[in-house]
Amino acid sequence: MEPMKFVCSKVLTLPAHVSSLSLGHAGHLFAGSDDGSLRVYDLSSYKVLKAIKGVGSEISSIICTKRPGTELRDAWIAHGHQISHYRMDLPVMIQSPENALETIDVGEESDVLNEVSTIILLISGSRLNRFSKLSLNADKTHIAFSTDSGLVGIVDIATKNVSIMETKHESICGSVKFIPDRPRELVSGGYDMHLMHFDFVQGKTLSRRKLESPPTAEGMSLSPPFVMSVAVSSSGILAAGTADGNLLTSFGGERKQGDKGSKKKGKTWGGLEESQSQVRKVAEGPIVALSFSDSCTLTMSTLLGKITRYSLDSGEESGLQQMWQGEAGSLSKVNAISVDDKRIILGGFSKDGKGVIEIWKQEVASAST
């Protein structure tokens, strides 16, 4: 295998902190900010093609969905207690809240920062979102959401009906992901140190797991293992990053290759089974962003911008092999990540408070160098 190397090829500066990122397709980057604005960049020219302004609160998550007949994806954005849907191929350059195709209220007005939230605020130095993350299922029929009050819920895209899972996290739920090839199942991670696995049609919890930090030579970590980021690969591998720099990788839900080349899927997703997972100390600070670019390649970023790309293989003894590591140069704090097989894109803010996007591209070095 040729050595892998990524280099920072472009730095974009924005007026406000970058709070969310999404690749619409290979040529478009959607970037949300904490001032309630969204920009769509052309990644060949780095010019802003379209924008949304004035939604009133931080854009904490973005989902892009394809509309027939246009290259510009629609944007579903989480802001405050709402999810709004925008058609980005409208003739106007800058849209406002009045241009939204629909806006759905899904949160609780009573959400407040509790004790656990205050601890995380001190750890990260970042402002917390009242509304956390969105996820789109494989059938593109439902959107999952999470909130700072610990709720996990579902929006039916066709009917706009909202349903809430029967069990909630005891603190902030900062991550939610659908499980590929299981369109009615999802997994969430919370600052209560729990991972939960749901069937959203039933609204019930199928399994759950509380994370414990492994013992270290230095003794107890100052940061509890709050779950700050979650990713699930296309083959069902689970990764979760914690506030104390631990990375959980689990192969319990991985679809195995069958004798005839087809993927075999078990009746129950076992991604939270302790016997099929490992927890490793891989960073000195919070792991705030995780993303799979294919079925076994995971990219991680810490709050302070240490970027690592791993290869995951259940057949290997460790199950986790570091392929490359780098350090963000312009970012003081990282809030978001978006990746594909050739790029790593980070968003956050610089020391002077400006929003920053770093675009890293892969260079394949010669094995002889």
Protein backbone atom coordinates (compact mmCIF):
# COMPACT_ATOMS: atom_id res chain seq x y z
CA MET A 1 0.00 0.00 0.00
CA GLU A 2 1.31 3.43 -0.97
CA PRO A 3 1.78 5.90 1.88
CA MET A 4 -1.16 8.24 2.49
CA LYS A 5 -0.67 11.97 2.91
CA PHE A 6 -3.08 14.90 3.13
CA VAL A 7 -2.10 18.54 2.64
CA CYS A 8 -4.13 21.66 3.37
CA SER A 9 -4.91 23.05 -0.10
CA LYS A 10 -7.31 25.87 0.77
CA VAL A 11 -8.39 27.99 3.75
CA LEU A 12 -11.70 29.87 3.58
CA THR A 13 -12.53 32.65 6.05
CA LEU A 14 -16.09 33.51 7.11
CA PRO A 15 -17.47 36.31 9.30
CA ALA A 16 -18.98 33.90 11.86
CA HIS A 17 -17.96 30.59 13.42
CA VAL A 18 -18.53 27.55 11.18
CA SER A 19 -20.87 25.21 13.06
CA SER A 20 -21.78 22.57 10.44
CA LEU A 21 -20.60 21.17 7.11
CA SER A 22 -22.00 18.87 4.42
CA LEU A 23 -20.84 17.87 0.94
CA GLY A 24 -23.83 18.33 -1.36
CA HIS A 25 -21.97 16.34 -3.99
CA ALA A 26 -18.33 16.21 -5.09
CA GLY A 27 -18.32 19.84 -6.22
CA HIS A 28 -20.42 21.68 -3.61
CA LEU A 29 -19.76 22.35 0.06
CA PHE A 30 -22.58 23.53 2.37
CA ALA A 31 -21.34 25.46 5.44
CA GLY A 32 -23.56 26.61 8.31
CA SER A 33 -22.56 29.29 10.82
CA ASP A 34 -23.51 30.33 14.32
CA ASP A 35 -25.00 33.60 13.07
CA GLY A 36 -27.80 31.72 11.29
CA SER A 37 -26.28 31.84 7.80
CA LEU A 38 -25.53 29.10 5.29
CA ARG A 39 -23.20 29.28 2.28
CA VAL A 40 -22.87 26.91 -0.66
CA TYR A 41 -19.34 26.90 -2.10
CA ASP A 42 -18.22 25.76 -5.53
CA LEU A 43 -15.16 23.64 -4.67
CA SER A 44 -13.49 24.29 -8.03
CA SER A 45 -13.56 28.10 -7.77
CA TYR A 46 -14.23 28.44 -4.00
CA LYS A 47 -16.88 31.04 -4.81
CA VAL A 48 -20.18 31.24 -2.94
CA LEU A 49 -22.96 30.06 -5.25
CA LYS A 50 -25.95 30.42 -2.93
CA ALA A 51 -26.67 31.51 0.63
CA ILE A 52 -29.30 31.64 3.36
CA LYS A 53 -29.31 34.39 5.98
CA GLY A 54 -31.34 35.42 8.99
CA VAL A 55 -32.70 32.13 10.34
CA GLY A 56 -32.22 33.53 13.84
CA SER A 57 -30.03 30.90 15.49
CA GLU A 58 -27.00 28.74 14.89
CA ILE A 59 -27.18 26.21 12.05
CA SER A 60 -26.07 23.14 13.96
CA SER A 61 -26.55 20.49 11.26
CA ILE A 62 -27.15 20.19 7.50
CA ILE A 63 -28.56 17.38 5.35
CA CYS A 64 -28.39 17.60 1.56
CA THR A 65 -30.97 15.79 -0.58
CA LYS A 66 -31.04 15.41 -4.35
CA ARG A 67 -33.80 16.99 -6.43
CA PRO A 68 -34.25 15.74 -10.02
CA GLY A 69 -33.12 18.16 -12.71
CA THR A 70 -30.63 20.20 -10.70
CA GLU A 71 -27.06 19.81 -9.47
CA LEU A 72 -27.73 21.96 -6.40
CA ARG A 73 -28.98 19.83 -3.53
CA ASP A 74 -31.84 20.85 -1.27
CA ALA A 75 -30.79 21.75 2.27
CA TRP A 76 -32.46 20.58 5.48
CA ILE A 77 -31.01 22.63 8.32
CA ALA A 78 -31.31 22.39 12.10
CA HIS A 79 -31.52 25.74 13.87
CA GLY A 80 -32.79 26.48 17.37
CA HIS A 81 -35.79 24.20 17.92
CA GLN A 82 -36.61 23.88 14.23
CA ILE A 83 -35.77 22.02 11.04
CA SER A 84 -36.19 24.00 7.81
CA HIS A 85 -36.16 22.78 4.21
CA TYR A 86 -34.75 25.01 1.45
CA ARG A 87 -34.62 24.53 -2.32
CA MET A 88 -31.18 25.92 -3.20
CA ASP A 89 -31.68 26.18 -6.96
CA LEU A 90 -34.07 29.14 -6.69
CA PRO A 91 -33.07 32.09 -8.91
CA VAL A 92 -32.26 34.34 -5.94
CA MET A 93 -28.68 34.37 -4.67
CA ILE A 94 -29.54 34.87 -0.98
CA GLN A 95 -32.61 33.31 0.62
CA SER A 96 -34.32 34.27 3.88
CA PRO A 97 -36.57 32.31 6.26
CA GLU A 98 -39.58 33.25 4.12
CA ASN A 99 -38.10 31.15 1.27
CA ALA A 100 -38.17 27.91 3.28
CA LEU A 101 -40.37 25.24 1.72
CA GLU A 102 -41.33 24.15 5.22
CA THR A 103 -40.23 24.70 8.81
CA ILE A 104 -40.96 22.08 11.45
CA ASP A 105 -40.82 22.78 15.19
CA VAL A 106 -39.39 19.73 16.95
CA GLY A 107 -37.64 20.98 20.11
CA GLU A 108 -38.55 21.94 23.66
CA GLU A 109 -38.61 25.60 24.67
CA SER A 110 -37.62 24.54 28.20
CA ASP A 111 -34.18 23.29 27.16
CA VAL A 112 -31.55 24.81 29.46
CA LEU A 113 -27.87 24.26 30.20
CA ASN A 114 -27.64 21.86 33.11
CA GLU A 115 -24.67 20.89 35.26
CA VAL A 116 -23.28 18.41 32.75
CA SER A 117 -23.64 21.01 29.99
CA THR A 118 -21.69 23.51 32.06
CA ILE A 119 -18.83 21.01 32.50
CA ILE A 120 -18.68 20.42 28.75
CA LEU A 121 -18.75 24.16 28.11
CA LEU A 122 -15.71 24.57 30.33
CA ILE A 123 -13.92 21.65 28.64
CA SER A 124 -14.54 22.77 25.06
CA GLY A 125 -14.69 26.52 25.33
CA SER A 126 -17.47 26.32 22.74
CA ARG A 127 -21.07 27.42 22.87
CA LEU A 128 -23.54 24.57 23.04
CA ASN A 129 -26.38 24.14 20.57
CA ARG A 130 -29.94 23.83 21.81
CA PHE A 131 -30.43 21.62 18.78
CA SER A 132 -27.79 19.09 17.95
CA LYS A 133 -27.60 16.84 14.88
CA LEU A 134 -29.62 15.52 11.96
CA SER A 135 -29.36 12.21 10.11
CA LEU A 136 -31.11 10.94 6.96
CA ASN A 137 -32.05 7.27 6.62
CA ALA A 138 -30.99 5.18 3.62
CA ASP A 139 -34.48 5.24 2.10
CA LYS A 140 -34.48 9.07 2.37
CA THR A 141 -37.91 8.96 3.99
CA HIS A 142 -37.12 10.07 7.55
CA ILE A 143 -34.84 12.52 9.35
CA ALA A 144 -33.58 11.76 12.85
CA PHE A 145 -32.80 14.61 15.25
CA SER A 146 -31.38 15.07 18.73
CA THR A 147 -31.69 17.91 21.24
CA ASP A 148 -29.89 19.35 24.23
CA SER A 149 -32.67 18.08 26.50
CA GLY A 150 -31.68 14.51 25.52
CA LEU A 151 -34.52 13.76 23.16
CA VAL A 152 -34.15 11.60 20.05
CA GLY A 153 -36.87 12.01 17.46
CA ILE A 154 -37.95 11.39 13.90
CA VAL A 155 -39.52 13.53 11.18
CA ASP A 156 -41.45 11.74 8.43
CA ILE A 157 -40.46 13.73 5.33
CA ALA A 158 -43.67 12.95 3.44
CA THR A 159 -46.16 13.77 6.20
CA LYS A 160 -44.00 16.11 8.37
CA ASN A 161 -45.17 14.14 11.42
CA VAL A 162 -42.80 14.23 14.40
CA SER A 163 -42.35 11.28 16.78
CA ILE A 164 -40.18 11.04 19.89
CA MET A 165 -38.42 7.93 21.22
CA GLU A 166 -39.81 6.64 24.53
CA THR A 167 -36.38 6.75 26.22
CA LYS A 168 -34.31 9.93 26.34
CA HIS A 169 -30.74 10.69 27.34
CA GLU A 170 -30.32 12.15 30.81
CA SER A 171 -28.31 15.04 29.38
CA ILE A 172 -27.45 16.50 25.96
CA CYS A 173 -27.83 14.13 23.03
CA GLY A 174 -25.13 15.41 20.68
CA SER A 175 -25.13 12.70 18.01
CA VAL A 176 -27.64 10.59 16.12
CA LYS A 177 -27.05 8.28 13.13
CA PHE A 178 -29.20 5.91 11.14
CA ILE A 179 -27.77 2.42 10.74
CA PRO A 180 -27.16 1.66 7.04
CA ASP A 181 -29.26 -1.18 5.60
CA ARG A 182 -31.58 -0.90 8.63
CA PRO A 183 -33.73 2.11 7.67
CA ARG A 184 -35.90 1.99 10.83
CA GLU A 185 -32.96 1.73 13.29
CA LEU A 186 -30.70 4.44 14.66
CA VAL A 187 -28.03 4.96 17.31
CA SER A 188 -27.49 8.04 19.47
CA GLY A 189 -24.76 9.25 21.80
CA GLY A 190 -25.18 11.52 24.80
CA TYR A 191 -23.30 13.49 27.40
CA ASP A 192 -24.80 11.05 29.92
CA MET A 193 -22.08 8.66 28.63
CA HIS A 194 -24.66 6.37 27.01
CA LEU A 195 -25.09 5.02 23.51
CA MET A 196 -28.67 4.01 22.64
CA HIS A 197 -29.98 1.87 19.78
CA PHE A 198 -33.61 2.51 18.72
CA ASP A 199 -36.30 1.12 16.46
CA PHE A 200 -38.04 4.36 15.55
CA VAL A 201 -41.20 2.71 14.22
CA GLN A 202 -41.81 1.20 17.66
CA GLY A 203 -40.18 4.15 19.41
CA LYS A 204 -38.39 1.70 21.67
CA THR A 205 -34.81 1.13 22.80
CA LEU A 206 -33.35 -2.09 21.40
CA SER A 207 -30.02 -1.89 23.25
CA ARG A 208 -27.92 0.56 25.21
CA ARG A 209 -24.41 0.87 26.59
CA LYS A 210 -22.69 3.11 29.09
CA LEU A 211 -19.09 4.01 28.25
CA GLU A 212 -16.40 3.78 30.88
CA SER A 213 -12.93 5.25 30.43
CA PRO A 214 -10.21 2.57 30.41
CA PRO A 215 -7.62 2.91 33.20
CA THR A 216 -4.51 4.90 32.35
CA ALA A 217 -1.03 5.12 33.86
CA GLU A 218 -1.80 8.68 34.96
CA GLY A 219 -4.94 7.57 36.79
CA MET A 220 -8.42 9.03 36.39
CA SER A 221 -9.13 11.39 33.50
CA LEU A 222 -10.27 14.93 34.37
CA SER A 223 -13.00 14.66 31.70
CA PRO A 224 -15.78 12.05 31.94
CA PRO A 225 -16.42 9.95 28.81
CA PHE A 226 -19.24 12.12 27.47
CA VAL A 227 -20.11 10.84 23.97
CA MET A 228 -19.40 13.80 21.69
CA SER A 229 -19.39 12.19 18.23
CA VAL A 230 -20.77 9.06 16.57
CA ALA A 231 -20.31 7.56 13.09
CA VAL A 232 -21.59 4.35 11.48
CA SER A 233 -19.99 2.93 8.34
CA SER A 234 -21.91 1.59 5.35
CA SER A 235 -21.15 -1.93 6.60
CA GLY A 236 -22.44 -1.27 10.13
CA ILE A 237 -19.18 -0.58 12.02
CA LEU A 238 -19.72 1.84 14.91
CA ALA A 239 -17.29 4.53 16.09
CA ALA A 240 -17.83 6.89 19.01
CA GLY A 241 -15.56 9.63 20.35
CA THR A 242 -15.57 10.94 23.91
CA ALA A 243 -14.68 14.12 25.78
CA ASP A 244 -11.70 12.42 27.41
CA GLY A 245 -10.08 11.42 24.11
CA ASN A 246 -11.22 7.82 23.92
CA LEU A 247 -12.35 6.17 20.70
CA LEU A 248 -14.77 3.24 20.74
CA THR A 249 -14.78 1.00 17.67
CA SER A 250 -17.28 -1.84 17.45
CA PHE A 251 -17.57 -4.60 14.84
CA GLY A 252 -20.60 -6.22 16.50
CA GLY A 253 -22.98 -4.79 13.91
CA GLU A 254 -20.75 -5.26 10.87
CA ARG A 255 -22.27 -7.13 7.94
CA LYS A 256 -20.02 -10.03 7.07
CA GLN A 257 -19.12 -11.05 3.54
CA GLY A 258 -21.05 -14.18 2.52
CA ASP A 259 -19.75 -17.11 0.54
CA LYS A 260 -21.42 -15.84 -2.64
CA GLY A 261 -20.16 -12.28 -2.27
CA SER A 262 -23.32 -10.90 -0.69
CA LYS A 263 -23.47 -9.19 2.66
CA LYS A 264 -25.20 -11.18 5.39
CA LYS A 265 -27.29 -9.18 7.82
CA GLY A 266 -28.16 -10.54 11.23
CA LYS A 267 -31.60 -10.16 12.79
CA THR A 268 -30.22 -7.81 15.44
CA TRP A 269 -27.62 -5.08 15.00
CA GLY A 270 -24.96 -5.78 17.60
CA GLY A 271 -23.06 -2.52 17.46
CA LEU A 272 -23.31 -1.93 21.22
CA GLU A 273 -22.07 -5.38 22.26
CA GLU A 274 -19.05 -4.94 24.54
CA SER A 275 -17.50 -8.25 23.48
CA GLN A 276 -17.20 -7.00 19.88
CA SER A 277 -15.68 -3.59 20.65
CA GLN A 278 -12.60 -1.85 21.98
CA VAL A 279 -12.10 1.51 23.68
CA ARG A 280 -8.71 3.15 23.20
CA LYS A 281 -7.13 6.39 24.37
CA VAL A 282 -6.19 8.07 21.07
CA ALA A 283 -6.19 11.80 21.95
CA GLU A 284 -5.54 14.18 24.81
CA GLY A 285 -8.70 16.19 24.28
CA PRO A 286 -12.33 15.83 23.18
CA ILE A 287 -13.02 13.93 19.95
CA VAL A 288 -15.61 16.24 18.42
CA ALA A 289 -15.97 14.89 14.87
CA LEU A 290 -15.97 11.45 13.24
CA SER A 291 -16.82 10.44 9.67
CA PHE A 292 -16.50 7.31 7.52
CA SER A 293 -15.48 7.87 3.89
CA ASP A 294 -16.06 4.21 3.01
CA SER A 295 -16.98 0.98 4.79
CA CYS A 296 -13.76 0.80 6.81
CA THR A 297 -11.98 4.20 6.63
CA LEU A 298 -12.61 6.53 9.57
CA THR A 299 -11.48 10.15 9.94
CA MET A 300 -11.35 11.79 13.36
CA SER A 301 -10.76 15.32 14.60
CA THR A 302 -10.19 16.57 18.11
CA LEU A 303 -11.47 19.90 19.37
CA LEU A 304 -8.04 21.48 18.88
CA GLY A 305 -7.66 20.16 15.34
CA LYS A 306 -5.61 16.98 15.46
CA ILE A 307 -6.80 15.00 12.43
CA THR A 308 -6.30 11.23 12.14
CA ARG A 309 -7.40 8.78 9.45
CA TYR A 310 -7.75 5.11 10.43
CA SER A 311 -8.35 1.84 8.64
CA LEU A 312 -10.68 -0.52 10.54
CA ASP A 313 -10.46 -4.29 10.07
CA SER A 314 -12.10 -6.84 12.36
CA GLY A 315 -9.66 -9.45 11.04
CA GLU A 316 -6.67 -7.62 12.52
CA GLU A 317 -5.66 -8.09 16.15
CA SER A 318 -5.98 -4.40 17.04
CA GLY A 319 -8.82 -3.74 14.59
CA LEU A 320 -7.55 -0.15 14.15
CA GLN A 321 -4.60 1.02 12.06
CA GLN A 322 -3.51 4.64 11.82
CA MET A 323 -3.02 5.64 8.18
CA TRP A 324 -2.23 9.36 8.53
CA GLN A 325 -2.22 12.16 11.08
CA GLY A 326 -2.06 15.93 10.73
CA GLU A 327 -2.77 19.18 12.57
CA ALA A 328 -5.14 21.98 11.56
CA GLY A 329 -3.17 25.17 11.01
CA SER A 330 -5.75 27.97 10.97
CA LEU A 331 -8.37 26.57 13.33
CA SER A 332 -8.37 27.28 17.05
CA LYS A 333 -11.41 25.02 17.64
CA VAL A 334 -13.05 22.46 15.34
CA ASN A 335 -16.85 22.15 15.25
CA ALA A 336 -17.52 20.04 12.15
CA ILE A 337 -16.03 17.65 9.62
CA SER A 338 -17.03 16.40 6.17
CA VAL A 339 -15.02 13.82 4.24
CA ASP A 340 -14.88 11.76 1.08
CA ASP A 341 -12.24 9.37 -0.23
CA LYS A 342 -9.86 12.18 -1.31
CA ARG A 343 -10.68 15.12 0.97
CA ILE A 344 -11.00 16.08 4.61
CA ILE A 345 -12.86 19.33 5.29
CA LEU A 346 -12.84 20.93 8.75
CA GLY A 347 -14.92 23.84 10.03
CA GLY A 348 -14.68 25.95 13.16
CA PHE A 349 -13.08 29.23 14.16
CA SER A 350 -9.68 30.87 14.50
CA LYS A 351 -8.02 32.56 17.47
CA ASP A 352 -9.31 35.95 16.32
CA GLY A 353 -12.90 34.66 16.27
CA LYS A 354 -13.32 34.38 12.50
CA GLY A 355 -15.02 31.38 10.95
CA VAL A 356 -12.60 29.07 9.15
CA ILE A 357 -12.87 26.15 6.72
CA GLU A 358 -9.76 24.08 5.96
CA ILE A 359 -9.83 21.83 2.89
CA TRP A 360 -7.28 19.00 2.93
CA LYS A 361 -6.60 16.95 -0.21
CA GLN A 362 -4.91 13.58 -0.45
CA GLU A 363 -1.53 13.27 -2.09
CA VAL A 364 -0.29 9.78 -2.86
CA ALA A 365 3.42 9.73 -2.13
CA SER A 366 5.73 7.41 -4.00
CA ALA A 367 6.67 4.34 -1.97
CA SER A 368 10.33 4.99 -2.83
CA THR A 369 10.35 8.47 -1.27
